[in-house]
Amino acid sequence: MSKNKKFRWRSAELNNATFYDYLRRLKELALNVFKWENLPDSVNVEYLERQFYEKGYAIFFYDKVLGYLALSGSFDQLDVYGEPIAYQAIGANGFVANLKNDDAVIMWNNYLHSPTFITIELFARRLYEIERTIDVNVKAQKTPVLILASEQQRLTMQNLYMKYDGNEPFIFGNKNLDLEDIKTLDTKAPYVADKLETLKHSIWNEALTFLGIENSNQDKRERLVADEVASNYGNVEAQRNIFLNARQIAADKINQMFGLDIKVSFNSDIKTMVNEPNINEYSAEVENERIYNED
């Protein structure tokens, strides 16, 4: 493999690593934003949330041997509202169960019956693009020049650049190094990494809002007042309810069909307006914050 191809492959590997790192981090958040209570021990909550993330639904039913299960699968027949009435639950080990809507409940990720991964992958790709652009821009501050040399000097220039890129304090050339045929052009690359970092934070906060996770959705160094922090809570609550409402409907249907007491809520203990049990305490804190800022 030539050196040029080797450099291209290194860049491609770093691109992929950056994209999948953001994808993994956002997926971990998506799988942990809801808290399920009183689920039967035979139901794997991690698997359940992965089905919501990857497929947009899961099938809850009771098996005489394995107990209560929430599995992936498919459905064959629909009612007049487009809701499935016949299912085929499929386990990761090949287990199959044919079910009807009178002995199973379809659990949806949202009202559109769509998986979460579609949007998460878009956010991960946007974050990866910005992150790698920051890397390139920072690197351009270190090497803001184009090197012009003869074809005979190409290999020598590549070796010298590798030493320079490796932060070697001294670079030595032999007596045969012809400096007369070497010219450089200043690319004058502007430093925009700080602006890109702000943009990255904005998109990251947008991803958190999509998942219903509290965030300030603002990126400025000054101390934010309470009203500025709370201004994004409407978006957070709306996005949170997109996923939560569908899960609560599924839990209610399961409880009614099987006599269980399953509950689902958003997994957050932060005292904010979108966490209803803490709203009174939060209101007092907001008032204290307002008084502090006015003073």
C-alpha atoms as a PDB file:
ATOM      1  CA  MET A   1       0.000   0.000   0.000  1.00  0.00           C
ATOM      2  CA  SER A   2       1.395   3.433  -0.967  1.00  0.00           C
ATOM      3  CA  LYS A   3       1.923   6.137   1.646  1.00  0.00           C
ATOM      4  CA  ASN A   4      -0.870   8.263   0.161  1.00  0.00           C
ATOM      5  CA  LYS A   5      -3.345   5.384   0.422  1.00  0.00           C
ATOM      6  CA  LYS A   6      -2.110   4.687   3.940  1.00  0.00           C
ATOM      7  CA  PHE A   7      -2.852   8.279   4.992  1.00  0.00           C
ATOM      8  CA  ARG A   8      -6.300   8.084   3.367  1.00  0.00           C
ATOM      9  CA  TRP A   9      -7.092   4.877   5.237  1.00  0.00           C
ATOM     10  CA  ARG A  10      -6.007   6.433   8.539  1.00  0.00           C
ATOM     11  CA  SER A  11      -8.347   9.346   7.878  1.00  0.00           C
ATOM     12  CA  ALA A  12     -11.205   7.006   6.971  1.00  0.00           C
ATOM     13  CA  GLU A  13     -10.646   4.955  10.122  1.00  0.00           C
ATOM     14  CA  LEU A  14     -10.741   8.092  12.276  1.00  0.00           C
ATOM     15  CA  ASN A  15     -13.902   9.239  10.491  1.00  0.00           C
ATOM     16  CA  ASN A  16     -15.616   5.919  11.211  1.00  0.00           C
ATOM     17  CA  ALA A  17     -14.379   5.814  14.806  1.00  0.00           C
ATOM     18  CA  THR A  18     -15.693   9.331  15.451  1.00  0.00           C
ATOM     19  CA  PHE A  19     -19.100   8.596  13.914  1.00  0.00           C
ATOM     20  CA  TYR A  20     -19.591   5.329  15.799  1.00  0.00           C
ATOM     21  CA  ASP A  21     -18.433   6.910  19.048  1.00  0.00           C
ATOM     22  CA  TYR A  22     -21.155   9.569  18.840  1.00  0.00           C
ATOM     23  CA  LEU A  23     -23.662   6.940  17.710  1.00  0.00           C
ATOM     24  CA  ARG A  24     -22.813   4.704  20.663  1.00  0.00           C
ATOM     25  CA  ARG A  25     -23.021   7.555  23.180  1.00  0.00           C
ATOM     26  CA  LEU A  26     -26.392   8.771  21.912  1.00  0.00           C
ATOM     27  CA  LYS A  27     -27.763   5.219  21.722  1.00  0.00           C
ATOM     28  CA  GLU A  28     -26.749   4.595  25.344  1.00  0.00           C
ATOM     29  CA  LEU A  29     -28.676   7.710  26.358  1.00  0.00           C
ATOM     30  CA  ALA A  30     -31.716   6.660  24.320  1.00  0.00           C
ATOM     31  CA  LEU A  31     -31.789   3.229  25.983  1.00  0.00           C
ATOM     32  CA  ASN A  32     -31.642   4.646  29.497  1.00  0.00           C
ATOM     33  CA  VAL A  33     -34.138   7.515  29.544  1.00  0.00           C
ATOM     34  CA  PHE A  34     -37.114   5.494  30.834  1.00  0.00           C
ATOM     35  CA  LYS A  35     -37.622   3.748  34.149  1.00  0.00           C
ATOM     36  CA  TRP A  36     -39.859   0.674  34.256  1.00  0.00           C
ATOM     37  CA  GLU A  37     -41.365  -0.547  37.515  1.00  0.00           C
ATOM     38  CA  ASN A  38     -42.973  -3.883  38.410  1.00  0.00           C
ATOM     39  CA  LEU A  39     -41.947  -5.581  35.180  1.00  0.00           C
ATOM     40  CA  PRO A  40     -41.930  -9.366  35.589  1.00  0.00           C
ATOM     41  CA  ASP A  41     -38.450 -10.796  36.103  1.00  0.00           C
ATOM     42  CA  SER A  42     -38.730 -12.724  32.842  1.00  0.00           C
ATOM     43  CA  VAL A  43     -38.927  -9.453  30.873  1.00  0.00           C
ATOM     44  CA  ASN A  44     -35.529  -8.025  29.919  1.00  0.00           C
ATOM     45  CA  VAL A  45     -35.893  -4.242  30.047  1.00  0.00           C
ATOM     46  CA  GLU A  46     -32.646  -3.644  28.129  1.00  0.00           C
ATOM     47  CA  TYR A  47     -33.864  -5.866  25.308  1.00  0.00           C
ATOM     48  CA  LEU A  48     -37.268  -4.151  25.414  1.00  0.00           C
ATOM     49  CA  GLU A  49     -35.764  -0.681  24.980  1.00  0.00           C
ATOM     50  CA  ARG A  50     -33.470  -1.939  22.213  1.00  0.00           C
ATOM     51  CA  GLN A  51     -36.548  -3.100  20.312  1.00  0.00           C
ATOM     52  CA  PHE A  52     -38.089   0.359  20.665  1.00  0.00           C
ATOM     53  CA  TYR A  53     -34.823   1.909  19.484  1.00  0.00           C
ATOM     54  CA  GLU A  54     -34.212  -0.434  16.550  1.00  0.00           C
ATOM     55  CA  LYS A  55     -37.730  -1.435  15.398  1.00  0.00           C
ATOM     56  CA  GLY A  56     -40.154   0.929  17.090  1.00  0.00           C
ATOM     57  CA  TYR A  57     -42.210  -1.767  18.814  1.00  0.00           C
ATOM     58  CA  ALA A  58     -42.209  -4.906  20.950  1.00  0.00           C
ATOM     59  CA  ILE A  59     -44.765  -7.652  21.604  1.00  0.00           C
ATOM     60  CA  PHE A  60     -45.754  -8.412  25.207  1.00  0.00           C
ATOM     61  CA  PHE A  61     -47.374 -11.772  25.995  1.00  0.00           C
ATOM     62  CA  TYR A  62     -47.401 -14.706  28.400  1.00  0.00           C
ATOM     63  CA  ASP A  63     -45.763 -18.022  27.591  1.00  0.00           C
ATOM     64  CA  LYS A  64     -46.672 -21.060  29.702  1.00  0.00           C
ATOM     65  CA  VAL A  65     -43.038 -22.183  29.892  1.00  0.00           C
ATOM     66  CA  LEU A  66     -41.000 -18.958  29.864  1.00  0.00           C
ATOM     67  CA  GLY A  67     -43.479 -16.644  31.581  1.00  0.00           C
ATOM     68  CA  TYR A  68     -44.086 -13.032  30.568  1.00  0.00           C
ATOM     69  CA  LEU A  69     -42.020 -11.917  27.587  1.00  0.00           C
ATOM     70  CA  ALA A  70     -41.520  -8.753  25.534  1.00  0.00           C
ATOM     71  CA  LEU A  71     -39.941  -9.728  22.225  1.00  0.00           C
ATOM     72  CA  SER A  72     -39.304  -8.606  18.701  1.00  0.00           C
ATOM     73  CA  GLY A  73     -41.395 -10.039  15.889  1.00  0.00           C
ATOM     74  CA  SER A  74     -43.764  -9.203  13.078  1.00  0.00           C
ATOM     75  CA  PHE A  75     -47.500  -8.807  12.501  1.00  0.00           C
ATOM     76  CA  ASP A  76     -49.736 -10.050   9.702  1.00  0.00           C
ATOM     77  CA  GLN A  77     -53.229  -8.603  10.091  1.00  0.00           C
ATOM     78  CA  LEU A  78     -54.448  -5.064  10.863  1.00  0.00           C
ATOM     79  CA  ASP A  79     -57.736  -3.704  12.125  1.00  0.00           C
ATOM     80  CA  VAL A  80     -59.609  -0.693  10.713  1.00  0.00           C
ATOM     81  CA  TYR A  81     -57.281   1.677  12.595  1.00  0.00           C
ATOM     82  CA  GLY A  82     -54.127   0.043  11.273  1.00  0.00           C
ATOM     83  CA  GLU A  83     -53.387  -1.654  14.590  1.00  0.00           C
ATOM     84  CA  PRO A  84     -52.045  -5.225  14.444  1.00  0.00           C
ATOM     85  CA  ILE A  85     -54.407  -7.998  15.505  1.00  0.00           C
ATOM     86  CA  ALA A  86     -52.166 -11.004  14.738  1.00  0.00           C
ATOM     87  CA  TYR A  87     -48.509 -11.280  15.717  1.00  0.00           C
ATOM     88  CA  GLN A  88     -45.536 -13.580  15.452  1.00  0.00           C
ATOM     89  CA  ALA A  89     -43.172 -12.972  18.376  1.00  0.00           C
ATOM     90  CA  ILE A  90     -39.592 -13.994  17.646  1.00  0.00           C
ATOM     91  CA  GLY A  91     -36.826 -14.441  20.215  1.00  0.00           C
ATOM     92  CA  ALA A  92     -33.109 -13.964  19.633  1.00  0.00           C
ATOM     93  CA  ASN A  93     -32.598 -17.728  19.919  1.00  0.00           C
ATOM     94  CA  GLY A  94     -35.200 -18.594  17.280  1.00  0.00           C
ATOM     95  CA  PHE A  95     -38.142 -18.949  19.676  1.00  0.00           C
ATOM     96  CA  VAL A  96     -41.430 -18.263  17.855  1.00  0.00           C
ATOM     97  CA  ALA A  97     -44.944 -17.676  19.206  1.00  0.00           C
ATOM     98  CA  ASN A  98     -48.048 -17.030  17.097  1.00  0.00           C
ATOM     99  CA  LEU A  99     -50.365 -14.626  18.910  1.00  0.00           C
ATOM    100  CA  LYS A 100     -53.611 -12.687  18.590  1.00  0.00           C
ATOM    101  CA  ASN A 101     -54.544  -9.306  20.030  1.00  0.00           C
ATOM    102  CA  ASP A 102     -56.602 -10.963  22.758  1.00  0.00           C
ATOM    103  CA  ASP A 103     -53.526 -12.650  24.278  1.00  0.00           C
ATOM    104  CA  ALA A 104     -50.774 -10.128  23.488  1.00  0.00           C
ATOM    105  CA  VAL A 105     -50.150  -6.367  23.487  1.00  0.00           C
ATOM    106  CA  ILE A 106     -48.208  -4.458  20.876  1.00  0.00           C
ATOM    107  CA  MET A 107     -45.995  -1.852  22.563  1.00  0.00           C
ATOM    108  CA  TRP A 108     -45.119   1.171  20.415  1.00  0.00           C
ATOM    109  CA  ASN A 109     -42.149   3.514  20.686  1.00  0.00           C
ATOM    110  CA  ASN A 110     -44.290   6.510  19.663  1.00  0.00           C
ATOM    111  CA  TYR A 111     -47.557   7.320  17.912  1.00  0.00           C
ATOM    112  CA  LEU A 112     -45.862   7.133  14.498  1.00  0.00           C
ATOM    113  CA  HIS A 113     -44.707   3.583  15.291  1.00  0.00           C
ATOM    114  CA  SER A 114     -41.188   4.545  14.217  1.00  0.00           C
ATOM    115  CA  PRO A 115     -37.827   3.532  15.729  1.00  0.00           C
ATOM    116  CA  THR A 116     -35.522   5.987  17.476  1.00  0.00           C
ATOM    117  CA  PHE A 117     -32.341   5.070  15.609  1.00  0.00           C
ATOM    118  CA  ILE A 118     -33.299   6.997  12.445  1.00  0.00           C
ATOM    119  CA  THR A 119     -33.005  10.389  14.145  1.00  0.00           C
ATOM    120  CA  ILE A 120     -30.131   9.365  16.413  1.00  0.00           C
ATOM    121  CA  GLU A 121     -28.002   8.366  13.424  1.00  0.00           C
ATOM    122  CA  LEU A 122     -28.650  11.762  11.833  1.00  0.00           C
ATOM    123  CA  PHE A 123     -27.470  13.525  14.985  1.00  0.00           C
ATOM    124  CA  ALA A 124     -24.408  11.270  15.208  1.00  0.00           C
ATOM    125  CA  ARG A 125     -23.478  12.012  11.601  1.00  0.00           C
ATOM    126  CA  ARG A 126     -23.825  15.768  12.070  1.00  0.00           C
ATOM    127  CA  LEU A 127     -21.728  15.656  15.239  1.00  0.00           C
ATOM    128  CA  TYR A 128     -19.091  13.533  13.547  1.00  0.00           C
ATOM    129  CA  GLU A 129     -18.852  15.947  10.598  1.00  0.00           C
ATOM    130  CA  ILE A 130     -18.334  18.908  12.923  1.00  0.00           C
ATOM    131  CA  GLU A 131     -15.856  17.065  15.150  1.00  0.00           C
ATOM    132  CA  ARG A 132     -13.698  16.030  12.208  1.00  0.00           C
ATOM    133  CA  THR A 133     -13.909  19.528  10.716  1.00  0.00           C
ATOM    134  CA  ILE A 134     -12.604  20.869  14.029  1.00  0.00           C
ATOM    135  CA  ASP A 135      -9.713  18.409  13.834  1.00  0.00           C
ATOM    136  CA  VAL A 136      -8.879  19.541  10.299  1.00  0.00           C
ATOM    137  CA  ASN A 137      -9.129  23.217  11.220  1.00  0.00           C
ATOM    138  CA  VAL A 138      -6.881  22.811  14.252  1.00  0.00           C
ATOM    139  CA  LYS A 139      -4.402  20.850  12.144  1.00  0.00           C
ATOM    140  CA  ALA A 140      -4.467  23.644   9.562  1.00  0.00           C
ATOM    141  CA  GLN A 141      -3.211  26.065  12.219  1.00  0.00           C
ATOM    142  CA  LYS A 142      -0.189  23.841  12.617  1.00  0.00           C
ATOM    143  CA  THR A 143       0.457  23.337   8.899  1.00  0.00           C
ATOM    144  CA  PRO A 144      -1.038  26.332   7.074  1.00  0.00           C
ATOM    145  CA  VAL A 145       1.173  25.852   4.014  1.00  0.00           C
ATOM    146  CA  LEU A 146       1.328  23.997   0.736  1.00  0.00           C
ATOM    147  CA  ILE A 147       4.764  22.606  -0.108  1.00  0.00           C
ATOM    148  CA  LEU A 148       5.907  22.794  -3.748  1.00  0.00           C
ATOM    149  CA  ALA A 149       8.846  20.597  -4.653  1.00  0.00           C
ATOM    150  CA  SER A 150      10.170  18.597  -7.577  1.00  0.00           C
ATOM    151  CA  GLU A 151       9.078  15.021  -8.129  1.00  0.00           C
ATOM    152  CA  GLN A 152      12.537  13.908  -7.070  1.00  0.00           C
ATOM    153  CA  GLN A 153      12.068  15.645  -3.723  1.00  0.00           C
ATOM    154  CA  ARG A 154       8.572  14.233  -3.078  1.00  0.00           C
ATOM    155  CA  LEU A 155       9.617  11.334  -0.851  1.00  0.00           C
ATOM    156  CA  THR A 156      12.045  13.542   1.073  1.00  0.00           C
ATOM    157  CA  MET A 157       9.313  16.134   1.697  1.00  0.00           C
ATOM    158  CA  GLN A 158       6.875  13.461   2.854  1.00  0.00           C
ATOM    159  CA  ASN A 159       9.395  12.102   5.347  1.00  0.00           C
ATOM    160  CA  LEU A 160      10.187  15.589   6.654  1.00  0.00           C
ATOM    161  CA  TYR A 161       6.482  16.386   6.999  1.00  0.00           C
ATOM    162  CA  MET A 162       5.859  13.178   8.943  1.00  0.00           C
ATOM    163  CA  LYS A 163       8.519  14.284  11.443  1.00  0.00           C
ATOM    164  CA  TYR A 164       6.981  17.747  11.641  1.00  0.00           C
ATOM    165  CA  ASP A 165       3.500  16.279  12.056  1.00  0.00           C
ATOM    166  CA  GLY A 166       4.857  14.064  14.818  1.00  0.00           C
ATOM    167  CA  ASN A 167       5.943  17.153  16.829  1.00  0.00           C
ATOM    168  CA  GLU A 168       9.650  16.365  16.679  1.00  0.00           C
ATOM    169  CA  PRO A 169      11.603  19.320  18.156  1.00  0.00           C
ATOM    170  CA  PHE A 170      14.369  19.057  15.562  1.00  0.00           C
ATOM    171  CA  ILE A 171      14.242  18.023  11.936  1.00  0.00           C
ATOM    172  CA  PHE A 172      17.539  17.184  10.262  1.00  0.00           C
ATOM    173  CA  GLY A 173      18.208  17.117   6.534  1.00  0.00           C
ATOM    174  CA  ASN A 174      21.260  15.764   4.786  1.00  0.00           C
ATOM    175  CA  LYS A 175      23.644  17.811   2.659  1.00  0.00           C
ATOM    176  CA  ASN A 176      21.921  16.691  -0.535  1.00  0.00           C
ATOM    177  CA  LEU A 177      18.642  18.381   0.436  1.00  0.00           C
ATOM    178  CA  ASP A 178      17.967  20.927  -2.321  1.00  0.00           C
ATOM    179  CA  LEU A 179      16.214  23.894  -0.729  1.00  0.00           C
ATOM    180  CA  GLU A 180      16.338  25.969  -3.921  1.00  0.00           C
ATOM    181  CA  ASP A 181      13.583  23.938  -5.581  1.00  0.00           C
ATOM    182  CA  ILE A 182      11.312  24.006  -2.529  1.00  0.00           C
ATOM    183  CA  LYS A 183       8.607  26.650  -2.272  1.00  0.00           C
ATOM    184  CA  THR A 184       5.698  27.084   0.116  1.00  0.00           C
ATOM    185  CA  LEU A 185       2.312  28.733  -0.233  1.00  0.00           C
ATOM    186  CA  ASP A 186       0.505  30.043   2.844  1.00  0.00           C
ATOM    187  CA  THR A 187      -3.105  28.781   2.784  1.00  0.00           C
ATOM    188  CA  LYS A 188      -4.113  31.336   5.446  1.00  0.00           C
ATOM    189  CA  ALA A 189      -6.574  28.883   7.006  1.00  0.00           C
ATOM    190  CA  PRO A 190      -8.878  30.851   9.366  1.00  0.00           C
ATOM    191  CA  TYR A 191      -9.353  29.549  12.895  1.00  0.00           C
ATOM    192  CA  VAL A 192     -13.021  28.592  13.235  1.00  0.00           C
ATOM    193  CA  ALA A 193     -12.728  25.671  15.665  1.00  0.00           C
ATOM    194  CA  ASP A 194     -14.269  27.716  18.485  1.00  0.00           C
ATOM    195  CA  LYS A 195     -17.350  28.486  16.391  1.00  0.00           C
ATOM    196  CA  LEU A 196     -17.623  24.860  15.340  1.00  0.00           C
ATOM    197  CA  GLU A 197     -17.356  23.797  18.981  1.00  0.00           C
ATOM    198  CA  THR A 198     -20.317  26.045  19.791  1.00  0.00           C
ATOM    199  CA  LEU A 199     -22.253  24.547  16.873  1.00  0.00           C
ATOM    200  CA  LYS A 200     -21.411  21.034  18.084  1.00  0.00           C
ATOM    201  CA  HIS A 201     -22.714  21.821  21.569  1.00  0.00           C
ATOM    202  CA  SER A 202     -25.907  23.208  20.045  1.00  0.00           C
ATOM    203  CA  ILE A 203     -26.524  20.023  18.047  1.00  0.00           C
ATOM    204  CA  TRP A 204     -25.669  17.854  21.060  1.00  0.00           C
ATOM    205  CA  ASN A 205     -28.222  19.765  23.139  1.00  0.00           C
ATOM    206  CA  GLU A 206     -30.744  19.375  20.318  1.00  0.00           C
ATOM    207  CA  ALA A 207     -30.175  15.612  20.487  1.00  0.00           C
ATOM    208  CA  LEU A 208     -30.727  15.689  24.251  1.00  0.00           C
ATOM    209  CA  THR A 209     -33.948  17.626  23.743  1.00  0.00           C
ATOM    210  CA  PHE A 210     -35.087  15.026  21.196  1.00  0.00           C
ATOM    211  CA  LEU A 211     -34.568  12.349  23.852  1.00  0.00           C
ATOM    212  CA  GLY A 212     -36.410  14.409  26.489  1.00  0.00           C
ATOM    213  CA  ILE A 213     -33.274  15.065  28.546  1.00  0.00           C
ATOM    214  CA  GLU A 214     -33.009  18.384  30.381  1.00  0.00           C
ATOM    215  CA  ASN A 215     -30.432  20.796  28.943  1.00  0.00           C
ATOM    216  CA  SER A 216     -29.959  24.541  28.770  1.00  0.00           C
ATOM    217  CA  ASN A 217     -29.919  24.493  24.944  1.00  0.00           C
ATOM    218  CA  GLN A 218     -27.679  27.552  25.138  1.00  0.00           C
ATOM    219  CA  ASP A 219     -23.940  27.899  24.894  1.00  0.00           C
ATOM    220  CA  LYS A 220     -22.608  31.083  26.383  1.00  0.00           C
ATOM    221  CA  ARG A 221     -20.065  31.671  29.090  1.00  0.00           C
ATOM    222  CA  GLU A 222     -22.104  34.064  31.182  1.00  0.00           C
ATOM    223  CA  ARG A 223     -24.142  32.688  34.043  1.00  0.00           C
ATOM    224  CA  LEU A 224     -27.570  31.716  32.783  1.00  0.00           C
ATOM    225  CA  VAL A 225     -30.573  33.017  34.680  1.00  0.00           C
ATOM    226  CA  ALA A 226     -33.397  30.670  35.622  1.00  0.00           C
ATOM    227  CA  ASP A 227     -35.747  31.898  32.878  1.00  0.00           C
ATOM    228  CA  GLU A 228     -33.129  31.167  30.226  1.00  0.00           C
ATOM    229  CA  VAL A 229     -32.576  27.655  31.531  1.00  0.00           C
ATOM    230  CA  ALA A 230     -36.312  27.004  31.808  1.00  0.00           C
ATOM    231  CA  SER A 231     -37.078  28.351  28.321  1.00  0.00           C
ATOM    232  CA  ASN A 232     -36.206  24.987  26.773  1.00  0.00           C
ATOM    233  CA  TYR A 233     -38.294  22.879  29.153  1.00  0.00           C
ATOM    234  CA  GLY A 234     -41.374  23.073  26.927  1.00  0.00           C
ATOM    235  CA  ASN A 235     -39.485  21.414  24.085  1.00  0.00           C
ATOM    236  CA  VAL A 236     -37.989  18.850  26.450  1.00  0.00           C
ATOM    237  CA  GLU A 237     -41.374  17.948  27.929  1.00  0.00           C
ATOM    238  CA  ALA A 238     -43.047  17.683  24.508  1.00  0.00           C
ATOM    239  CA  GLN A 239     -40.328  15.419  23.164  1.00  0.00           C
ATOM    240  CA  ARG A 240     -40.336  13.341  26.334  1.00  0.00           C
ATOM    241  CA  ASN A 241     -44.093  12.786  26.076  1.00  0.00           C
ATOM    242  CA  ILE A 242     -43.752  11.564  22.484  1.00  0.00           C
ATOM    243  CA  PHE A 243     -42.041   8.444  23.799  1.00  0.00           C
ATOM    244  CA  LEU A 244     -43.571   8.310  27.281  1.00  0.00           C
ATOM    245  CA  ASN A 245     -47.234   8.473  26.252  1.00  0.00           C
ATOM    246  CA  ALA A 246     -46.909   5.467  23.938  1.00  0.00           C
ATOM    247  CA  ARG A 247     -45.202   3.432  26.678  1.00  0.00           C
ATOM    248  CA  GLN A 248     -47.833   4.378  29.249  1.00  0.00           C
ATOM    249  CA  ILE A 249     -50.639   3.324  26.911  1.00  0.00           C
ATOM    250  CA  ALA A 250     -48.891  -0.034  26.421  1.00  0.00           C
ATOM    251  CA  ALA A 251     -48.446  -0.447  30.190  1.00  0.00           C
ATOM    252  CA  ASP A 252     -52.139   0.280  30.788  1.00  0.00           C
ATOM    253  CA  LYS A 253     -53.208  -2.302  28.197  1.00  0.00           C
ATOM    254  CA  ILE A 254     -50.837  -4.906  29.657  1.00  0.00           C
ATOM    255  CA  ASN A 255     -52.066  -4.256  33.193  1.00  0.00           C
ATOM    256  CA  GLN A 256     -55.677  -4.589  32.093  1.00  0.00           C
ATOM    257  CA  MET A 257     -55.084  -7.789  30.109  1.00  0.00           C
ATOM    258  CA  PHE A 258     -52.812  -9.616  32.555  1.00  0.00           C
ATOM    259  CA  GLY A 259     -53.673  -8.066  35.925  1.00  0.00           C
ATOM    260  CA  LEU A 260     -50.209  -6.591  36.416  1.00  0.00           C
ATOM    261  CA  ASP A 261     -49.114  -3.240  37.852  1.00  0.00           C
ATOM    262  CA  ILE A 262     -46.424  -2.134  35.401  1.00  0.00           C
ATOM    263  CA  LYS A 263     -45.453   1.544  35.508  1.00  0.00           C
ATOM    264  CA  VAL A 264     -43.138   3.593  33.340  1.00  0.00           C
ATOM    265  CA  SER A 265     -41.725   7.070  33.925  1.00  0.00           C
ATOM    266  CA  PHE A 266     -38.882   9.226  32.742  1.00  0.00           C
ATOM    267  CA  ASN A 267     -35.625   8.315  34.441  1.00  0.00           C
ATOM    268  CA  SER A 268     -34.594  11.637  35.991  1.00  0.00           C
ATOM    269  CA  ASP A 269     -34.238  12.947  39.526  1.00  0.00           C
ATOM    270  CA  ILE A 270     -33.254  16.483  38.547  1.00  0.00           C
ATOM    271  CA  LYS A 271     -35.477  19.110  40.169  1.00  0.00           C
ATOM    272  CA  THR A 272     -36.967  20.859  37.154  1.00  0.00           C
ATOM    273  CA  MET A 273     -40.364  21.933  35.935  1.00  0.00           C
ATOM    274  CA  VAL A 274     -40.596  18.869  33.692  1.00  0.00           C
ATOM    275  CA  ASN A 275     -40.189  16.552  36.679  1.00  0.00           C
ATOM    276  CA  GLU A 276     -43.589  17.031  38.307  1.00  0.00           C
ATOM    277  CA  PRO A 277     -42.787  15.625  41.804  1.00  0.00           C
ATOM    278  CA  ASN A 278     -40.155  18.339  42.210  1.00  0.00           C
ATOM    279  CA  ILE A 279     -42.103  21.252  40.764  1.00  0.00           C
ATOM    280  CA  ASN A 280     -42.871  22.953  44.102  1.00  0.00           C
ATOM    281  CA  GLU A 281     -39.268  22.783  45.264  1.00  0.00           C
ATOM    282  CA  TYR A 282     -38.129  23.955  41.847  1.00  0.00           C
ATOM    283  CA  SER A 283     -40.512  26.941  41.884  1.00  0.00           C
ATOM    284  CA  ALA A 284     -38.986  28.106  45.153  1.00  0.00           C
ATOM    285  CA  GLU A 285     -35.499  27.750  43.715  1.00  0.00           C
ATOM    286  CA  VAL A 286     -36.516  29.722  40.606  1.00  0.00           C
ATOM    287  CA  GLU A 287     -37.850  32.561  42.791  1.00  0.00           C
ATOM    288  CA  ASN A 288     -34.638  32.611  44.827  1.00  0.00           C
ATOM    289  CA  GLU A 289     -32.634  32.669  41.602  1.00  0.00           C
ATOM    290  CA  ARG A 290     -34.703  35.573  40.254  1.00  0.00           C
ATOM    291  CA  ILE A 291     -34.155  37.585  43.441  1.00  0.00           C
ATOM    292  CA  TYR A 292     -30.439  36.806  43.351  1.00  0.00           C
ATOM    293  CA  ASN A 293     -30.079  37.967  39.752  1.00  0.00           C
ATOM    294  CA  GLU A 294     -32.062  41.160  40.351  1.00  0.00           C
ATOM    295  CA  ASP A 295     -29.809  41.997  43.285  1.00  0.00           C
END
